[in-house]
């Protein structure tokens, strides 16, 4: 059993910053890729950023240069720093974990958090 718990999020004005944190607990010995997806109501979930145990990262083109993902393997935590936020970043953000190395599609992530709302609005 693996549990994924997110924290952070909230509301911010355009150009502002927010951070998200996630802790994975339980049978974590098999966890490989971790990261974040997001979803807007009525749309499919999309990759934001993911990271492997070795530190290899993948970002959506829409967040490159603005978001930074980092990982603490010893404590099974992943962090997403979001800067220069835009209204189009508004979504529910989900922390994910997988037994695969660094999958890029949501279907390859077996473990999901409950989601946290990020709202960017003036």
N, C-alpha and C. Protein backbone atom coordinates (compact mmCIF):
# COMPACT_ATOMS: atom_id res chain seq x y z
N UNK A 1 0.84 -1.20 0.00
CA UNK A 1 0.00 0.00 0.00
C UNK A 1 0.87 1.24 0.00
N UNK A 2 0.53 2.18 -0.85
CA UNK A 2 1.26 3.44 -0.95
C UNK A 2 0.27 4.58 -0.78
N UNK A 3 0.63 5.53 0.04
CA UNK A 3 -0.21 6.71 0.27
C UNK A 3 0.51 7.95 -0.21
N UNK A 4 -0.24 8.84 -0.87
CA UNK A 4 0.34 10.08 -1.41
C UNK A 4 -0.39 11.26 -0.78
N UNK A 5 0.34 12.12 -0.11
CA UNK A 5 -0.26 13.27 0.58
C UNK A 5 0.35 14.57 0.06
N UNK A 6 -0.50 15.46 -0.41
CA UNK A 6 -0.04 16.74 -0.94
C UNK A 6 -0.30 17.85 0.07
N UNK A 7 0.47 18.91 -0.07
CA UNK A 7 0.23 20.13 0.69
C UNK A 7 0.65 21.32 -0.16
N UNK A 8 0.12 22.48 0.18
CA UNK A 8 0.43 23.68 -0.57
C UNK A 8 -0.71 24.05 -1.49
N UNK A 9 -0.42 24.88 -2.46
CA UNK A 9 -1.46 25.37 -3.36
C UNK A 9 -2.11 26.61 -2.79
N UNK A 10 -3.23 27.00 -3.40
CA UNK A 10 -3.95 28.18 -2.95
C UNK A 10 -4.17 29.15 -4.09
N UNK A 11 -4.32 30.43 -3.74
CA UNK A 11 -4.60 31.46 -4.73
C UNK A 11 -3.48 32.49 -4.75
N UNK A 12 -3.19 32.99 -5.94
CA UNK A 12 -2.13 33.97 -6.10
C UNK A 12 -2.44 34.83 -7.32
N UNK A 13 -1.89 36.04 -7.35
CA UNK A 13 -2.06 36.89 -8.52
C UNK A 13 -1.09 36.49 -9.62
N UNK A 14 -1.41 36.83 -10.85
CA UNK A 14 -0.47 36.55 -11.95
C UNK A 14 0.91 37.12 -11.66
N UNK A 15 1.92 36.33 -11.97
CA UNK A 15 3.30 36.73 -11.69
C UNK A 15 3.80 36.28 -10.34
N UNK A 16 2.91 35.79 -9.51
CA UNK A 16 3.28 35.35 -8.18
C UNK A 16 3.84 33.94 -8.16
N UNK A 17 4.12 33.47 -6.94
CA UNK A 17 4.72 32.15 -6.75
C UNK A 17 3.93 31.34 -5.74
N UNK A 18 3.96 30.05 -5.93
CA UNK A 18 3.40 29.09 -4.99
C UNK A 18 4.29 27.87 -4.99
N UNK A 19 4.19 27.07 -3.92
CA UNK A 19 4.91 25.82 -3.90
C UNK A 19 4.00 24.69 -3.46
N UNK A 20 4.27 23.52 -3.98
CA UNK A 20 3.54 22.30 -3.63
C UNK A 20 4.53 21.29 -3.08
N UNK A 21 4.10 20.56 -2.07
CA UNK A 21 4.91 19.49 -1.52
C UNK A 21 4.10 18.20 -1.47
N UNK A 22 4.79 17.09 -1.50
CA UNK A 22 4.12 15.80 -1.51
C UNK A 22 4.98 14.79 -0.76
N UNK A 23 4.32 13.99 0.06
CA UNK A 23 5.01 12.92 0.79
C UNK A 23 4.38 11.59 0.42
N UNK A 24 5.23 10.62 0.10
CA UNK A 24 4.77 9.28 -0.23
C UNK A 24 5.16 8.36 0.91
N UNK A 25 4.21 7.59 1.40
CA UNK A 25 4.47 6.70 2.53
C UNK A 25 3.93 5.31 2.23
N UNK A 26 4.31 4.36 3.08
CA UNK A 26 3.88 2.98 2.89
C UNK A 26 5.00 2.17 2.26
N UNK A 27 4.64 1.35 1.28
CA UNK A 27 5.62 0.47 0.62
C UNK A 27 6.36 1.26 -0.46
N UNK A 28 7.26 2.11 -0.01
CA UNK A 28 7.92 3.04 -0.92
C UNK A 28 9.18 2.48 -1.56
N UNK A 29 9.59 1.27 -1.20
CA UNK A 29 10.85 0.75 -1.70
C UNK A 29 10.84 0.59 -3.21
N UNK A 30 9.65 0.43 -3.79
CA UNK A 30 9.54 0.19 -5.22
C UNK A 30 9.24 1.45 -6.03
N UNK A 31 9.16 2.59 -5.36
CA UNK A 31 8.77 3.81 -6.06
C UNK A 31 9.89 4.29 -6.96
N UNK A 32 9.54 4.63 -8.19
CA UNK A 32 10.49 5.17 -9.16
C UNK A 32 10.16 6.63 -9.42
N UNK A 33 9.45 6.89 -10.51
CA UNK A 33 9.11 8.26 -10.86
C UNK A 33 8.10 8.89 -9.92
N UNK A 34 8.28 10.17 -9.65
CA UNK A 34 7.33 10.96 -8.87
C UNK A 34 7.14 12.30 -9.57
N UNK A 35 6.04 12.96 -9.30
CA UNK A 35 5.87 14.26 -9.92
C UNK A 35 4.47 14.81 -9.79
N UNK A 36 4.12 15.63 -10.76
CA UNK A 36 2.86 16.35 -10.71
C UNK A 36 2.16 16.36 -12.07
N UNK A 37 0.87 16.11 -12.03
CA UNK A 37 -0.01 16.34 -13.16
C UNK A 37 -1.03 17.39 -12.73
N UNK A 38 -1.73 17.96 -13.69
CA UNK A 38 -2.78 18.90 -13.36
C UNK A 38 -3.97 18.69 -14.28
N UNK A 39 -5.12 19.16 -13.82
CA UNK A 39 -6.34 18.97 -14.59
C UNK A 39 -7.27 20.15 -14.42
N UNK A 40 -7.78 20.62 -15.53
CA UNK A 40 -8.83 21.63 -15.56
C UNK A 40 -10.14 20.91 -15.82
N UNK A 41 -11.19 21.33 -15.17
CA UNK A 41 -12.49 20.69 -15.32
C UNK A 41 -12.88 20.59 -16.79
N UNK A 42 -13.20 19.38 -17.21
CA UNK A 42 -13.60 19.16 -18.59
C UNK A 42 -12.47 18.83 -19.54
N UNK A 43 -11.25 18.86 -19.03
CA UNK A 43 -10.08 18.56 -19.85
C UNK A 43 -9.34 17.36 -19.29
N UNK A 44 -8.46 16.79 -20.10
CA UNK A 44 -7.68 15.65 -19.65
C UNK A 44 -6.56 16.10 -18.71
N UNK A 45 -6.12 15.16 -17.89
CA UNK A 45 -4.98 15.46 -17.04
C UNK A 45 -3.74 15.61 -17.89
N UNK A 46 -2.89 16.56 -17.55
CA UNK A 46 -1.67 16.81 -18.31
C UNK A 46 -0.46 16.82 -17.38
N UNK A 47 0.64 16.38 -17.92
CA UNK A 47 1.89 16.37 -17.17
C UNK A 47 2.35 17.79 -16.89
N UNK A 48 2.81 18.00 -15.65
CA UNK A 48 3.43 19.28 -15.30
C UNK A 48 4.95 19.08 -15.21
N UNK A 49 5.36 18.21 -14.31
CA UNK A 49 6.77 17.91 -14.13
C UNK A 49 6.91 16.58 -13.40
N UNK A 50 7.89 15.79 -13.80
CA UNK A 50 8.17 14.52 -13.13
C UNK A 50 9.66 14.38 -12.95
N UNK A 51 10.05 13.52 -12.01
CA UNK A 51 11.46 13.35 -11.69
C UNK A 51 11.73 11.90 -11.31
N UNK A 52 12.87 11.38 -11.75
CA UNK A 52 13.25 10.01 -11.42
C UNK A 52 14.03 9.98 -10.11
N UNK A 53 14.30 8.78 -9.62
CA UNK A 53 15.11 8.66 -8.41
C UNK A 53 16.52 9.22 -8.63
N UNK A 54 16.98 9.17 -9.86
CA UNK A 54 18.32 9.68 -10.16
C UNK A 54 18.36 11.17 -10.44
N UNK A 55 17.20 11.81 -10.44
CA UNK A 55 17.17 13.26 -10.63
C UNK A 55 16.87 13.71 -12.05
N UNK A 56 16.64 12.79 -12.94
CA UNK A 56 16.25 13.17 -14.31
C UNK A 56 14.86 13.79 -14.26
N UNK A 57 14.70 14.91 -14.95
CA UNK A 57 13.43 15.62 -14.91
C UNK A 57 12.83 15.77 -16.31
N UNK A 58 11.52 15.89 -16.34
CA UNK A 58 10.78 16.20 -17.55
C UNK A 58 9.73 17.24 -17.19
N UNK A 59 9.62 18.27 -18.01
CA UNK A 59 8.65 19.33 -17.79
C UNK A 59 7.75 19.49 -19.01
N UNK A 60 6.54 19.92 -18.76
CA UNK A 60 5.69 20.37 -19.84
C UNK A 60 6.30 21.63 -20.44
N UNK A 61 6.18 21.80 -21.76
CA UNK A 61 6.71 23.00 -22.40
C UNK A 61 6.09 24.26 -21.80
N UNK A 62 4.87 24.17 -21.34
CA UNK A 62 4.17 25.35 -20.84
C UNK A 62 4.72 25.85 -19.50
N UNK A 63 5.48 25.02 -18.79
CA UNK A 63 5.99 25.44 -17.48
C UNK A 63 7.52 25.53 -17.43
N UNK A 64 8.19 25.13 -18.50
CA UNK A 64 9.66 25.18 -18.51
C UNK A 64 10.15 26.58 -18.25
N UNK A 65 11.14 26.68 -17.38
CA UNK A 65 11.71 27.97 -17.04
C UNK A 65 10.97 28.69 -15.92
N UNK A 66 9.80 28.19 -15.56
CA UNK A 66 9.01 28.83 -14.49
C UNK A 66 8.83 27.91 -13.29
N UNK A 67 8.72 26.61 -13.53
CA UNK A 67 8.51 25.64 -12.46
C UNK A 67 9.79 24.83 -12.26
N UNK A 68 10.03 24.43 -11.02
CA UNK A 68 11.17 23.59 -10.71
C UNK A 68 10.73 22.45 -9.80
N UNK A 69 11.02 21.23 -10.22
CA UNK A 69 10.70 20.06 -9.41
C UNK A 69 11.97 19.56 -8.73
N UNK A 70 11.83 19.13 -7.49
CA UNK A 70 12.96 18.56 -6.76
C UNK A 70 12.46 17.38 -5.93
N UNK A 71 13.42 16.58 -5.48
CA UNK A 71 13.03 15.33 -4.81
C UNK A 71 13.99 15.02 -3.68
N UNK A 72 13.43 14.51 -2.60
CA UNK A 72 14.20 14.03 -1.45
C UNK A 72 13.96 12.53 -1.37
N UNK A 73 14.89 11.74 -1.89
CA UNK A 73 14.70 10.29 -1.95
C UNK A 73 14.68 9.67 -0.55
N UNK A 74 15.48 10.20 0.34
CA UNK A 74 15.58 9.61 1.68
C UNK A 74 14.24 9.68 2.41
N UNK A 75 13.48 10.72 2.13
CA UNK A 75 12.21 10.92 2.82
C UNK A 75 11.00 10.75 1.91
N UNK A 76 11.25 10.32 0.68
CA UNK A 76 10.16 10.08 -0.28
C UNK A 76 9.26 11.29 -0.43
N UNK A 77 9.90 12.43 -0.65
CA UNK A 77 9.15 13.66 -0.84
C UNK A 77 9.51 14.30 -2.18
N UNK A 78 8.55 14.99 -2.75
CA UNK A 78 8.78 15.73 -3.99
C UNK A 78 8.18 17.13 -3.81
N UNK A 79 8.86 18.10 -4.41
CA UNK A 79 8.49 19.51 -4.23
C UNK A 79 8.39 20.18 -5.59
N UNK A 80 7.40 21.05 -5.74
CA UNK A 80 7.25 21.80 -6.99
C UNK A 80 7.21 23.29 -6.66
N UNK A 81 8.22 24.00 -7.11
CA UNK A 81 8.25 25.46 -6.95
C UNK A 81 7.72 26.09 -8.22
N UNK A 82 6.68 26.89 -8.09
CA UNK A 82 6.02 27.50 -9.24
C UNK A 82 6.19 29.01 -9.18
N UNK A 83 6.90 29.56 -10.15
CA UNK A 83 7.14 30.99 -10.22
C UNK A 83 6.49 31.57 -11.48
N UNK A 84 6.36 32.87 -11.50
CA UNK A 84 5.79 33.57 -12.66
C UNK A 84 4.49 32.93 -13.10
N UNK A 85 3.63 32.68 -12.15
CA UNK A 85 2.38 31.97 -12.44
C UNK A 85 1.47 32.77 -13.35
N UNK A 86 0.75 32.05 -14.21
CA UNK A 86 -0.16 32.64 -15.18
C UNK A 86 -1.57 32.13 -14.91
N UNK A 87 -2.58 32.85 -15.37
CA UNK A 87 -3.96 32.37 -15.18
C UNK A 87 -4.18 30.97 -15.77
N UNK A 88 -3.47 30.66 -16.85
CA UNK A 88 -3.64 29.34 -17.46
C UNK A 88 -3.02 28.22 -16.64
N UNK A 89 -2.32 28.55 -15.57
CA UNK A 89 -1.81 27.53 -14.65
C UNK A 89 -2.88 27.09 -13.66
N UNK A 90 -4.00 27.78 -13.65
CA UNK A 90 -5.10 27.42 -12.74
C UNK A 90 -5.60 26.01 -13.04
N UNK A 91 -5.59 25.17 -12.01
CA UNK A 91 -5.98 23.76 -12.18
C UNK A 91 -5.93 23.07 -10.82
N UNK A 92 -6.41 21.84 -10.80
CA UNK A 92 -6.16 20.96 -9.67
C UNK A 92 -4.86 20.22 -9.95
N UNK A 93 -3.94 20.29 -9.02
CA UNK A 93 -2.63 19.66 -9.17
C UNK A 93 -2.59 18.36 -8.35
N UNK A 94 -2.15 17.30 -9.01
CA UNK A 94 -2.09 15.98 -8.39
C UNK A 94 -0.64 15.53 -8.27
N UNK A 95 -0.26 15.09 -7.09
CA UNK A 95 1.02 14.44 -6.90
C UNK A 95 0.88 12.98 -7.31
N UNK A 96 1.89 12.45 -7.98
CA UNK A 96 1.83 11.08 -8.47
C UNK A 96 3.11 10.33 -8.15
N UNK A 97 2.99 9.02 -8.09
CA UNK A 97 4.15 8.15 -7.89
C UNK A 97 3.96 6.89 -8.70
N UNK A 98 5.08 6.35 -9.17
CA UNK A 98 5.01 5.18 -10.05
C UNK A 98 6.13 4.21 -9.71
N UNK A 99 5.91 2.96 -10.05
CA UNK A 99 6.99 1.97 -9.94
C UNK A 99 7.89 2.03 -11.18
N UNK A 100 7.47 2.70 -12.22
CA UNK A 100 8.30 2.88 -13.39
C UNK A 100 9.26 4.05 -13.17
N UNK A 101 10.27 4.13 -14.01
CA UNK A 101 11.35 5.08 -13.80
C UNK A 101 10.89 6.53 -13.88
N UNK A 102 10.35 6.93 -15.00
CA UNK A 102 9.90 8.31 -15.17
C UNK A 102 8.88 8.35 -16.31
N UNK A 103 7.73 7.73 -16.10
CA UNK A 103 6.72 7.76 -17.16
C UNK A 103 6.18 9.16 -17.40
N UNK A 104 5.69 9.37 -18.62
CA UNK A 104 5.21 10.69 -19.00
C UNK A 104 3.70 10.74 -19.19
N UNK A 105 3.05 9.59 -19.05
CA UNK A 105 1.60 9.56 -19.23
C UNK A 105 0.93 9.22 -17.91
N UNK A 106 -0.25 9.79 -17.67
CA UNK A 106 -0.92 9.57 -16.38
C UNK A 106 -1.24 8.11 -16.10
N UNK A 107 -1.50 7.33 -17.15
CA UNK A 107 -1.86 5.94 -16.96
C UNK A 107 -0.75 5.09 -16.39
N UNK A 108 0.48 5.57 -16.42
CA UNK A 108 1.62 4.80 -15.91
C UNK A 108 1.92 5.11 -14.44
N UNK A 109 1.11 5.99 -13.85
CA UNK A 109 1.27 6.33 -12.43
C UNK A 109 0.17 5.64 -11.64
N UNK A 110 0.60 4.70 -10.77
CA UNK A 110 -0.36 3.90 -10.03
C UNK A 110 -0.91 4.62 -8.81
N UNK A 111 -0.17 5.58 -8.29
CA UNK A 111 -0.53 6.18 -7.01
C UNK A 111 -0.74 7.69 -7.17
N UNK A 112 -1.87 8.16 -6.69
CA UNK A 112 -2.26 9.56 -6.87
C UNK A 112 -2.69 10.16 -5.53
N UNK A 113 -2.35 11.45 -5.36
CA UNK A 113 -2.87 12.18 -4.22
C UNK A 113 -4.30 12.64 -4.50
N UNK A 114 -4.88 13.31 -3.53
CA UNK A 114 -6.28 13.72 -3.65
C UNK A 114 -6.45 14.98 -4.49
N UNK A 115 -5.35 15.68 -4.76
CA UNK A 115 -5.40 16.89 -5.57
C UNK A 115 -5.48 18.14 -4.72
N UNK A 116 -4.83 19.21 -5.19
CA UNK A 116 -4.88 20.49 -4.49
C UNK A 116 -5.10 21.59 -5.53
N UNK A 117 -5.95 22.55 -5.19
CA UNK A 117 -6.32 23.59 -6.14
C UNK A 117 -5.27 24.69 -6.17
N UNK A 118 -4.90 25.08 -7.37
CA UNK A 118 -4.06 26.26 -7.59
C UNK A 118 -4.85 27.22 -8.46
N UNK A 119 -5.04 28.44 -7.97
CA UNK A 119 -5.81 29.44 -8.70
C UNK A 119 -4.95 30.68 -8.90
N UNK A 120 -4.82 31.10 -10.16
CA UNK A 120 -4.05 32.28 -10.50
C UNK A 120 -5.00 33.29 -11.12
N UNK A 121 -5.26 34.36 -10.39
CA UNK A 121 -6.25 35.33 -10.83
C UNK A 121 -5.98 36.69 -10.22
N UNK A 122 -6.31 37.73 -10.97
CA UNK A 122 -6.17 39.08 -10.44
C UNK A 122 -7.49 39.55 -9.82
